[in-house]
mmCIF file of all heavy atoms, coordinates in Angstrom:
data_MODEL
# 
_entry.id   MODEL 
# 
loop_
_atom_site.group_PDB 
_atom_site.id 
_atom_site.type_symbol 
_atom_site.label_atom_id 
_atom_site.label_alt_id 
_atom_site.label_comp_id 
_atom_site.label_asym_id 
_atom_site.label_entity_id 
_atom_site.label_seq_id 
_atom_site.pdbx_PDB_ins_code 
_atom_site.Cartn_x 
_atom_site.Cartn_y 
_atom_site.Cartn_z 
_atom_site.occupancy 
_atom_site.B_iso_or_equiv 
_atom_site.pdbx_formal_charge 
_atom_site.auth_seq_id 
_atom_site.auth_comp_id 
_atom_site.auth_asym_id 
_atom_site.auth_atom_id 
_atom_site.pdbx_PDB_model_num 
ATOM 1   N N   . ARG A 1 1  ? 81.413 40.679 0.943   1.00 0.00 ? 1  ARG A N   1 
ATOM 2   C CA  . ARG A 1 1  ? 80.598 41.472 0.028   1.00 0.00 ? 1  ARG A CA  1 
ATOM 3   C C   . ARG A 1 1  ? 80.733 40.809 -1.342  1.00 0.00 ? 1  ARG A C   1 
ATOM 4   O O   . ARG A 1 1  ? 81.723 41.007 -2.047  1.00 0.00 ? 1  ARG A O   1 
ATOM 5   C CB  . ARG A 1 1  ? 81.085 42.917 -0.044  1.00 0.00 ? 1  ARG A CB  1 
ATOM 6   C CG  . ARG A 1 1  ? 81.244 43.585 1.318   1.00 0.00 ? 1  ARG A CG  1 
ATOM 7   C CD  . ARG A 1 1  ? 79.906 43.946 1.941   1.00 0.00 ? 1  ARG A CD  1 
ATOM 8   N NE  . ARG A 1 1  ? 80.075 44.736 3.157   1.00 0.00 ? 1  ARG A NE  1 
ATOM 9   C CZ  . ARG A 1 1  ? 80.103 44.234 4.383   1.00 0.00 ? 1  ARG A CZ  1 
ATOM 10  N NH1 . ARG A 1 1  ? 79.984 42.929 4.552   1.00 0.00 ? 1  ARG A NH1 1 
ATOM 11  N NH2 . ARG A 1 1  ? 80.260 45.000 5.447   1.00 0.00 ? 1  ARG A NH2 1 
ATOM 12  N N   . ALA A 1 2  ? 79.727 40.030 -1.732  1.00 0.00 ? 2  ALA A N   1 
ATOM 13  C CA  . ALA A 1 2  ? 79.825 39.207 -2.935  1.00 0.00 ? 2  ALA A CA  1 
ATOM 14  C C   . ALA A 1 2  ? 78.795 39.634 -3.967  1.00 0.00 ? 2  ALA A C   1 
ATOM 15  O O   . ALA A 1 2  ? 77.620 39.838 -3.642  1.00 0.00 ? 2  ALA A O   1 
ATOM 16  C CB  . ALA A 1 2  ? 79.639 37.734 -2.583  1.00 0.00 ? 2  ALA A CB  1 
ATOM 17  N N   . VAL A 1 3  ? 79.217 39.765 -5.226  1.00 0.00 ? 3  VAL A N   1 
ATOM 18  C CA  . VAL A 1 3  ? 78.317 40.174 -6.292  1.00 0.00 ? 3  VAL A CA  1 
ATOM 19  C C   . VAL A 1 3  ? 78.641 39.372 -7.541  1.00 0.00 ? 3  VAL A C   1 
ATOM 20  O O   . VAL A 1 3  ? 79.800 39.053 -7.817  1.00 0.00 ? 3  VAL A O   1 
ATOM 21  C CB  . VAL A 1 3  ? 78.438 41.695 -6.565  1.00 0.00 ? 3  VAL A CB  1 
ATOM 22  C CG1 . VAL A 1 3  ? 79.833 42.074 -7.012  1.00 0.00 ? 3  VAL A CG1 1 
ATOM 23  C CG2 . VAL A 1 3  ? 77.389 42.147 -7.575  1.00 0.00 ? 3  VAL A CG2 1 
ATOM 24  N N   . GLY A 1 4  ? 77.598 39.016 -8.304  1.00 0.00 ? 4  GLY A N   1 
ATOM 25  C CA  . GLY A 1 4  ? 77.828 38.255 -9.517  1.00 0.00 ? 4  GLY A CA  1 
ATOM 26  C C   . GLY A 1 4  ? 76.530 37.885 -10.203 1.00 0.00 ? 4  GLY A C   1 
ATOM 27  O O   . GLY A 1 4  ? 75.454 38.396 -9.890  1.00 0.00 ? 4  GLY A O   1 
ATOM 28  N N   . ALA A 1 5  ? 76.646 36.962 -11.162 1.00 0.00 ? 5  ALA A N   1 
ATOM 29  C CA  . ALA A 1 5  ? 75.517 36.548 -11.985 1.00 0.00 ? 5  ALA A CA  1 
ATOM 30  C C   . ALA A 1 5  ? 74.908 35.260 -11.453 1.00 0.00 ? 5  ALA A C   1 
ATOM 31  O O   . ALA A 1 5  ? 75.607 34.407 -10.887 1.00 0.00 ? 5  ALA A O   1 
ATOM 32  C CB  . ALA A 1 5  ? 75.962 36.362 -13.430 1.00 0.00 ? 5  ALA A CB  1 
ATOM 33  N N   . GLN A 1 6  ? 73.607 35.115 -11.653 1.00 0.00 ? 6  GLN A N   1 
ATOM 34  C CA  . GLN A 1 6  ? 72.924 33.891 -11.268 1.00 0.00 ? 6  GLN A CA  1 
ATOM 35  C C   . GLN A 1 6  ? 71.871 33.544 -12.324 1.00 0.00 ? 6  GLN A C   1 
ATOM 36  O O   . GLN A 1 6  ? 71.459 34.386 -13.121 1.00 0.00 ? 6  GLN A O   1 
ATOM 37  C CB  . GLN A 1 6  ? 72.248 34.033 -9.907  1.00 0.00 ? 6  GLN A CB  1 
ATOM 38  C CG  . GLN A 1 6  ? 71.061 34.978 -9.873  1.00 0.00 ? 6  GLN A CG  1 
ATOM 39  C CD  . GLN A 1 6  ? 70.321 34.967 -8.544  1.00 0.00 ? 6  GLN A CD  1 
ATOM 40  O OE1 . GLN A 1 6  ? 70.715 34.331 -7.588  1.00 0.00 ? 6  GLN A OE1 1 
ATOM 41  N NE2 . GLN A 1 6  ? 69.200 35.676 -8.485  1.00 0.00 ? 6  GLN A NE2 1 
ATOM 42  N N   . PHE A 1 7  ? 71.490 32.269 -12.336 1.00 0.00 ? 7  PHE A N   1 
ATOM 43  C CA  . PHE A 1 7  ? 70.354 31.853 -13.150 1.00 0.00 ? 7  PHE A CA  1 
ATOM 44  C C   . PHE A 1 7  ? 69.569 30.830 -12.355 1.00 0.00 ? 7  PHE A C   1 
ATOM 45  O O   . PHE A 1 7  ? 70.060 30.245 -11.386 1.00 0.00 ? 7  PHE A O   1 
ATOM 46  C CB  . PHE A 1 7  ? 70.796 31.281 -14.507 1.00 0.00 ? 7  PHE A CB  1 
ATOM 47  C CG  . PHE A 1 7  ? 71.527 29.972 -14.422 1.00 0.00 ? 7  PHE A CG  1 
ATOM 48  C CD1 . PHE A 1 7  ? 70.845 28.764 -14.520 1.00 0.00 ? 7  PHE A CD1 1 
ATOM 49  C CD2 . PHE A 1 7  ? 72.908 29.936 -14.256 1.00 0.00 ? 7  PHE A CD2 1 
ATOM 50  C CE1 . PHE A 1 7  ? 71.515 27.558 -14.449 1.00 0.00 ? 7  PHE A CE1 1 
ATOM 51  C CE2 . PHE A 1 7  ? 73.593 28.726 -14.191 1.00 0.00 ? 7  PHE A CE2 1 
ATOM 52  C CZ  . PHE A 1 7  ? 72.883 27.538 -14.274 1.00 0.00 ? 7  PHE A CZ  1 
ATOM 53  N N   . GLY A 1 8  ? 68.326 30.622 -12.743 1.00 0.00 ? 8  GLY A N   1 
ATOM 54  C CA  . GLY A 1 8  ? 67.494 29.700 -11.987 1.00 0.00 ? 8  GLY A CA  1 
ATOM 55  C C   . GLY A 1 8  ? 66.149 29.504 -12.638 1.00 0.00 ? 8  GLY A C   1 
ATOM 56  O O   . GLY A 1 8  ? 65.930 29.881 -13.798 1.00 0.00 ? 8  GLY A O   1 
ATOM 57  N N   . GLY A 1 9  ? 65.255 28.924 -11.873 1.00 0.00 ? 9  GLY A N   1 
ATOM 58  C CA  . GLY A 1 9  ? 63.933 28.672 -12.413 1.00 0.00 ? 9  GLY A CA  1 
ATOM 59  C C   . GLY A 1 9  ? 62.980 28.132 -11.376 1.00 0.00 ? 9  GLY A C   1 
ATOM 60  O O   . GLY A 1 9  ? 63.343 27.900 -10.218 1.00 0.00 ? 9  GLY A O   1 
ATOM 61  N N   . MET A 1 10 ? 61.742 27.915 -11.818 1.00 0.00 ? 10 MET A N   1 
ATOM 62  C CA  . MET A 1 10 ? 60.687 27.410 -10.955 1.00 0.00 ? 10 MET A CA  1 
ATOM 63  C C   . MET A 1 10 ? 59.768 26.535 -11.794 1.00 0.00 ? 10 MET A C   1 
ATOM 64  O O   . MET A 1 10 ? 59.410 26.875 -12.927 1.00 0.00 ? 10 MET A O   1 
ATOM 65  C CB  . MET A 1 10 ? 59.916 28.583 -10.336 1.00 0.00 ? 10 MET A CB  1 
ATOM 66  C CG  . MET A 1 10 ? 58.767 28.202 -9.438  1.00 0.00 ? 10 MET A CG  1 
ATOM 67  S SD  . MET A 1 10 ? 58.173 29.620 -8.443  1.00 0.00 ? 10 MET A SD  1 
ATOM 68  C CE  . MET A 1 10 ? 57.883 30.860 -9.704  1.00 0.00 ? 10 MET A CE  1 
ATOM 69  N N   . LEU A 1 11 ? 59.398 25.379 -11.257 1.00 0.00 ? 11 LEU A N   1 
ATOM 70  C CA  . LEU A 1 11 ? 58.492 24.445 -11.925 1.00 0.00 ? 11 LEU A CA  1 
ATOM 71  C C   . LEU A 1 11 ? 57.307 24.185 -11.014 1.00 0.00 ? 11 LEU A C   1 
ATOM 72  O O   . LEU A 1 11 ? 57.487 23.866 -9.835  1.00 0.00 ? 11 LEU A O   1 
ATOM 73  C CB  . LEU A 1 11 ? 59.201 23.129 -12.239 1.00 0.00 ? 11 LEU A CB  1 
ATOM 74  C CG  . LEU A 1 11 ? 58.331 22.000 -12.806 1.00 0.00 ? 11 LEU A CG  1 
ATOM 75  C CD1 . LEU A 1 11 ? 57.767 22.399 -14.166 1.00 0.00 ? 11 LEU A CD1 1 
ATOM 76  C CD2 . LEU A 1 11 ? 59.130 20.710 -12.894 1.00 0.00 ? 11 LEU A CD2 1 
ATOM 77  N N   . MET A 1 12 ? 56.092 24.315 -11.541 1.00 0.00 ? 12 MET A N   1 
ATOM 78  C CA  . MET A 1 12 ? 54.879 24.193 -10.731 1.00 0.00 ? 12 MET A CA  1 
ATOM 79  C C   . MET A 1 12 ? 53.935 23.150 -11.319 1.00 0.00 ? 12 MET A C   1 
ATOM 80  O O   . MET A 1 12 ? 53.908 22.934 -12.530 1.00 0.00 ? 12 MET A O   1 
ATOM 81  C CB  . MET A 1 12 ? 54.168 25.545 -10.650 1.00 0.00 ? 12 MET A CB  1 
ATOM 82  C CG  . MET A 1 12 ? 55.004 26.616 -9.987  1.00 0.00 ? 12 MET A CG  1 
ATOM 83  S SD  . MET A 1 12 ? 54.621 28.259 -10.629 1.00 0.00 ? 12 MET A SD  1 
ATOM 84  C CE  . MET A 1 12 ? 55.381 28.154 -12.251 1.00 0.00 ? 12 MET A CE  1 
ATOM 85  N N   . ARG A 1 13 ? 53.166 22.531 -10.424 1.00 0.00 ? 13 ARG A N   1 
ATOM 86  C CA  . ARG A 1 13 ? 52.139 21.571 -10.817 1.00 0.00 ? 13 ARG A CA  1 
ATOM 87  C C   . ARG A 1 13 ? 50.866 21.838 -10.020 1.00 0.00 ? 13 ARG A C   1 
ATOM 88  O O   . ARG A 1 13 ? 50.946 22.207 -8.839  1.00 0.00 ? 13 ARG A O   1 
ATOM 89  C CB  . ARG A 1 13 ? 52.616 20.132 -10.555 1.00 0.00 ? 13 ARG A CB  1 
ATOM 90  C CG  . ARG A 1 13 ? 53.824 19.697 -11.376 1.00 0.00 ? 13 ARG A CG  1 
ATOM 91  C CD  . ARG A 1 13 ? 53.491 19.597 -12.850 1.00 0.00 ? 13 ARG A CD  1 
ATOM 92  N NE  . ARG A 1 13 ? 52.425 18.642 -13.109 1.00 0.00 ? 13 ARG A NE  1 
ATOM 93  C CZ  . ARG A 1 13 ? 52.636 17.332 -13.290 1.00 0.00 ? 13 ARG A CZ  1 
ATOM 94  N NH1 . ARG A 1 13 ? 53.866 16.836 -13.215 1.00 0.00 ? 13 ARG A NH1 1 
ATOM 95  N NH2 . ARG A 1 13 ? 51.617 16.527 -13.530 1.00 0.00 ? 13 ARG A NH2 1 
ATOM 96  N N   . PRO A 1 14 ? 49.680 21.627 -10.635 1.00 0.00 ? 14 PRO A N   1 
ATOM 97  C CA  . PRO A 1 14 ? 48.431 21.820 -9.888  1.00 0.00 ? 14 PRO A CA  1 
ATOM 98  C C   . PRO A 1 14 ? 48.228 20.716 -8.862  1.00 0.00 ? 14 PRO A C   1 
ATOM 99  O O   . PRO A 1 14 ? 48.528 19.545 -9.100  1.00 0.00 ? 14 PRO A O   1 
ATOM 100 C CB  . PRO A 1 14 ? 47.361 21.774 -10.979 1.00 0.00 ? 14 PRO A CB  1 
ATOM 101 C CG  . PRO A 1 14 ? 47.975 20.983 -12.081 1.00 0.00 ? 14 PRO A CG  1 
ATOM 102 C CD  . PRO A 1 14 ? 49.444 21.307 -12.047 1.00 0.00 ? 14 PRO A CD  1 
ATOM 103 N N   . LEU A 1 15 ? 47.717 21.097 -7.705  1.00 0.00 ? 15 LEU A N   1 
ATOM 104 C CA  . LEU A 1 15 ? 47.414 20.159 -6.630  1.00 0.00 ? 15 LEU A CA  1 
ATOM 105 C C   . LEU A 1 15 ? 45.911 20.046 -6.410  1.00 0.00 ? 15 LEU A C   1 
ATOM 106 O O   . LEU A 1 15 ? 45.438 19.160 -5.726  1.00 0.00 ? 15 LEU A O   1 
ATOM 107 C CB  . LEU A 1 15 ? 48.098 20.623 -5.339  1.00 0.00 ? 15 LEU A CB  1 
ATOM 108 C CG  . LEU A 1 15 ? 48.144 19.664 -4.154  1.00 0.00 ? 15 LEU A CG  1 
ATOM 109 C CD1 . LEU A 1 15 ? 48.887 18.385 -4.521  1.00 0.00 ? 15 LEU A CD1 1 
ATOM 110 C CD2 . LEU A 1 15 ? 48.808 20.321 -2.952  1.00 0.00 ? 15 LEU A CD2 1 
ATOM 111 N N   . GLY A 1 16 ? 45.166 20.926 -7.004  1.00 0.00 ? 16 GLY A N   1 
ATOM 112 C CA  . GLY A 1 16 ? 43.723 20.953 -6.879  1.00 0.00 ? 16 GLY A CA  1 
ATOM 113 C C   . GLY A 1 16 ? 43.195 22.158 -7.619  1.00 0.00 ? 16 GLY A C   1 
ATOM 114 O O   . GLY A 1 16 ? 43.932 22.830 -8.360  1.00 0.00 ? 16 GLY A O   1 
ATOM 115 N N   . LEU A 1 17 ? 41.927 22.483 -7.428  1.00 0.00 ? 17 LEU A N   1 
ATOM 116 C CA  . LEU A 1 17 ? 41.329 23.597 -8.138  1.00 0.00 ? 17 LEU A CA  1 
ATOM 117 C C   . LEU A 1 17 ? 41.972 24.921 -7.749  1.00 0.00 ? 17 LEU A C   1 
ATOM 118 O O   . LEU A 1 17 ? 42.142 25.808 -8.582  1.00 0.00 ? 17 LEU A O   1 
ATOM 119 C CB  . LEU A 1 17 ? 39.822 23.645 -7.848  1.00 0.00 ? 17 LEU A CB  1 
ATOM 120 C CG  . LEU A 1 17 ? 39.030 24.753 -8.566  1.00 0.00 ? 17 LEU A CG  1 
ATOM 121 C CD1 . LEU A 1 17 ? 39.126 24.559 -10.077 1.00 0.00 ? 17 LEU A CD1 1 
ATOM 122 C CD2 . LEU A 1 17 ? 37.584 24.755 -8.098  1.00 0.00 ? 17 LEU A CD2 1 
ATOM 123 N N   . ARG A 1 18 ? 42.373 25.036 -6.488  1.00 0.00 ? 18 ARG A N   1 
ATOM 124 C CA  . ARG A 1 18 ? 42.947 26.297 -6.011  1.00 0.00 ? 18 ARG A CA  1 
ATOM 125 C C   . ARG A 1 18 ? 44.396 26.177 -5.545  1.00 0.00 ? 18 ARG A C   1 
ATOM 126 O O   . ARG A 1 18 ? 45.011 27.178 -5.213  1.00 0.00 ? 18 ARG A O   1 
ATOM 127 C CB  . ARG A 1 18 ? 42.113 26.844 -4.848  1.00 0.00 ? 18 ARG A CB  1 
ATOM 128 C CG  . ARG A 1 18 ? 40.725 27.328 -5.239  1.00 0.00 ? 18 ARG A CG  1 
ATOM 129 C CD  . ARG A 1 18 ? 39.961 27.791 -4.011  1.00 0.00 ? 18 ARG A CD  1 
ATOM 130 N NE  . ARG A 1 18 ? 38.666 28.351 -4.363  1.00 0.00 ? 18 ARG A NE  1 
ATOM 131 C CZ  . ARG A 1 18 ? 38.433 29.626 -4.586  1.00 0.00 ? 18 ARG A CZ  1 
ATOM 132 N NH1 . ARG A 1 18 ? 39.420 30.498 -4.474  1.00 0.00 ? 18 ARG A NH1 1 
ATOM 133 N NH2 . ARG A 1 18 ? 37.226 30.052 -4.902  1.00 0.00 ? 18 ARG A NH2 1 
ATOM 134 N N   . ALA A 1 19 ? 44.939 24.986 -5.473  1.00 0.00 ? 19 ALA A N   1 
ATOM 135 C CA  . ALA A 1 19 ? 46.267 24.784 -4.881  1.00 0.00 ? 19 ALA A CA  1 
ATOM 136 C C   . ALA A 1 19 ? 47.291 24.350 -5.925  1.00 0.00 ? 19 ALA A C   1 
ATOM 137 O O   . ALA A 1 19 ? 46.954 23.760 -6.953  1.00 0.00 ? 19 ALA A O   1 
ATOM 138 C CB  . ALA A 1 19 ? 46.194 23.757 -3.759  1.00 0.00 ? 19 ALA A CB  1 
ATOM 139 N N   . ASN A 1 20 ? 48.561 24.643 -5.640  1.00 0.00 ? 20 ASN A N   1 
ATOM 140 C CA  . ASN A 1 20 ? 49.687 24.271 -6.492  1.00 0.00 ? 20 ASN A CA  1 
ATOM 141 C C   . ASN A 1 20 ? 50.858 23.863 -5.619  1.00 0.00 ? 20 ASN A C   1 
ATOM 142 O O   . ASN A 1 20 ? 50.928 24.216 -4.434  1.00 0.00 ? 20 ASN A O   1 
ATOM 143 C CB  . ASN A 1 20 ? 50.138 25.465 -7.340  1.00 0.00 ? 20 ASN A CB  1 
ATOM 144 C CG  . ASN A 1 20 ? 49.006 26.153 -8.055  1.00 0.00 ? 20 ASN A CG  1 
ATOM 145 O OD1 . ASN A 1 20 ? 48.656 25.814 -9.154  1.00 0.00 ? 20 ASN A OD1 1 
ATOM 146 N ND2 . ASN A 1 20 ? 48.413 27.159 -7.394  1.00 0.00 ? 20 ASN A ND2 1 
ATOM 147 N N   . TYR A 1 21 ? 51.802 23.144 -6.203  1.00 0.00 ? 21 TYR A N   1 
ATOM 148 C CA  . TYR A 1 21 ? 53.057 22.853 -5.520  1.00 0.00 ? 21 TYR A CA  1 
ATOM 149 C C   . TYR A 1 21 ? 54.170 22.892 -6.554  1.00 0.00 ? 21 TYR A C   1 
ATOM 150 O O   . TYR A 1 21 ? 53.914 22.820 -7.774  1.00 0.00 ? 21 TYR A O   1 
ATOM 151 C CB  . TYR A 1 21 ? 53.014 21.490 -4.825  1.00 0.00 ? 21 TYR A CB  1 
ATOM 152 C CG  . TYR A 1 21 ? 53.036 20.299 -5.769  1.00 0.00 ? 21 TYR A CG  1 
ATOM 153 C CD1 . TYR A 1 21 ? 54.220 19.637 -6.071  1.00 0.00 ? 21 TYR A CD1 1 
ATOM 154 C CD2 . TYR A 1 21 ? 51.854 19.850 -6.365  1.00 0.00 ? 21 TYR A CD2 1 
ATOM 155 C CE1 . TYR A 1 21 ? 54.241 18.554 -6.937  1.00 0.00 ? 21 TYR A CE1 1 
ATOM 156 C CE2 . TYR A 1 21 ? 51.854 18.775 -7.225  1.00 0.00 ? 21 TYR A CE2 1 
ATOM 157 C CZ  . TYR A 1 21 ? 53.052 18.119 -7.510  1.00 0.00 ? 21 TYR A CZ  1 
ATOM 158 O OH  . TYR A 1 21 ? 53.064 17.061 -8.374  1.00 0.00 ? 21 TYR A OH  1 
ATOM 159 N N   . GLY A 1 22 ? 55.403 23.002 -6.095  1.00 0.00 ? 22 GLY A N   1 
ATOM 160 C CA  . GLY A 1 22 ? 56.496 23.069 -7.046  1.00 0.00 ? 22 GLY A CA  1 
ATOM 161 C C   . GLY A 1 22 ? 57.848 23.161 -6.387  1.00 0.00 ? 22 GLY A C   1 
ATOM 162 O O   . GLY A 1 22 ? 57.985 23.078 -5.160  1.00 0.00 ? 22 GLY A O   1 
ATOM 163 N N   . VAL A 1 23 ? 58.862 23.322 -7.218  1.00 0.00 ? 23 VAL A N   1 
ATOM 164 C CA  . VAL A 1 23 ? 60.245 23.479 -6.760  1.00 0.00 ? 23 VAL A CA  1 
ATOM 165 C C   . VAL A 1 23 ? 60.836 24.708 -7.442  1.00 0.00 ? 23 VAL A C   1 
ATOM 166 O O   . VAL A 1 23 ? 60.409 25.105 -8.528  1.00 0.00 ? 23 VAL A O   1 
ATOM 167 C CB  . VAL A 1 23 ? 61.101 22.237 -7.085  1.00 0.00 ? 23 VAL A CB  1 
ATOM 168 C CG1 . VAL A 1 23 ? 60.578 21.018 -6.347  1.00 0.00 ? 23 VAL A CG1 1 
ATOM 169 C CG2 . VAL A 1 23 ? 61.138 21.969 -8.587  1.00 0.00 ? 23 VAL A CG2 1 
ATOM 170 N N   . ARG A 1 24 ? 61.807 25.325 -6.780  1.00 0.00 ? 24 ARG A N   1 
ATOM 171 C CA  . ARG A 1 24 ? 62.493 26.469 -7.356  1.00 0.00 ? 24 ARG A CA  1 
ATOM 172 C C   . ARG A 1 24 ? 63.948 26.430 -6.942  1.00 0.00 ? 24 ARG A C   1 
ATOM 173 O O   . ARG A 1 24 ? 64.312 25.858 -5.900  1.00 0.00 ? 24 ARG A O   1 
ATOM 174 C CB  . ARG A 1 24 ? 61.844 27.771 -6.906  1.00 0.00 ? 24 ARG A CB  1 
ATOM 175 C CG  . ARG A 1 24 ? 61.772 27.974 -5.401  1.00 0.00 ? 24 ARG A CG  1 
ATOM 176 C CD  . ARG A 1 24 ? 60.888 29.140 -5.043  1.00 0.00 ? 24 ARG A CD  1 
ATOM 177 N NE  . ARG A 1 24 ? 60.634 29.223 -3.602  1.00 0.00 ? 24 ARG A NE  1 
ATOM 178 C CZ  . ARG A 1 24 ? 59.642 29.907 -3.055  1.00 0.00 ? 24 ARG A CZ  1 
ATOM 179 N NH1 . ARG A 1 24 ? 58.807 30.583 -3.834  1.00 0.00 ? 24 ARG A NH1 1 
ATOM 180 N NH2 . ARG A 1 24 ? 59.474 29.934 -1.745  1.00 0.00 ? 24 ARG A NH2 1 
ATOM 181 N N   . GLY A 1 25 ? 64.804 27.049 -7.737  1.00 0.00 ? 25 GLY A N   1 
ATOM 182 C CA  . GLY A 1 25 ? 66.224 27.051 -7.409  1.00 0.00 ? 25 GLY A CA  1 
ATOM 183 C C   . GLY A 1 25 ? 66.972 28.143 -8.153  1.00 0.00 ? 25 GLY A C   1 
ATOM 184 O O   . GLY A 1 25 ? 66.527 28.637 -9.197  1.00 0.00 ? 25 GLY A O   1 
# 
């Protein structure tokens, strides 16, 4: 049973008019 603090983010780039791709962590 583990509890604590975290931080993170997400970076996105356009792949087309309707599509995107990216990374998150």
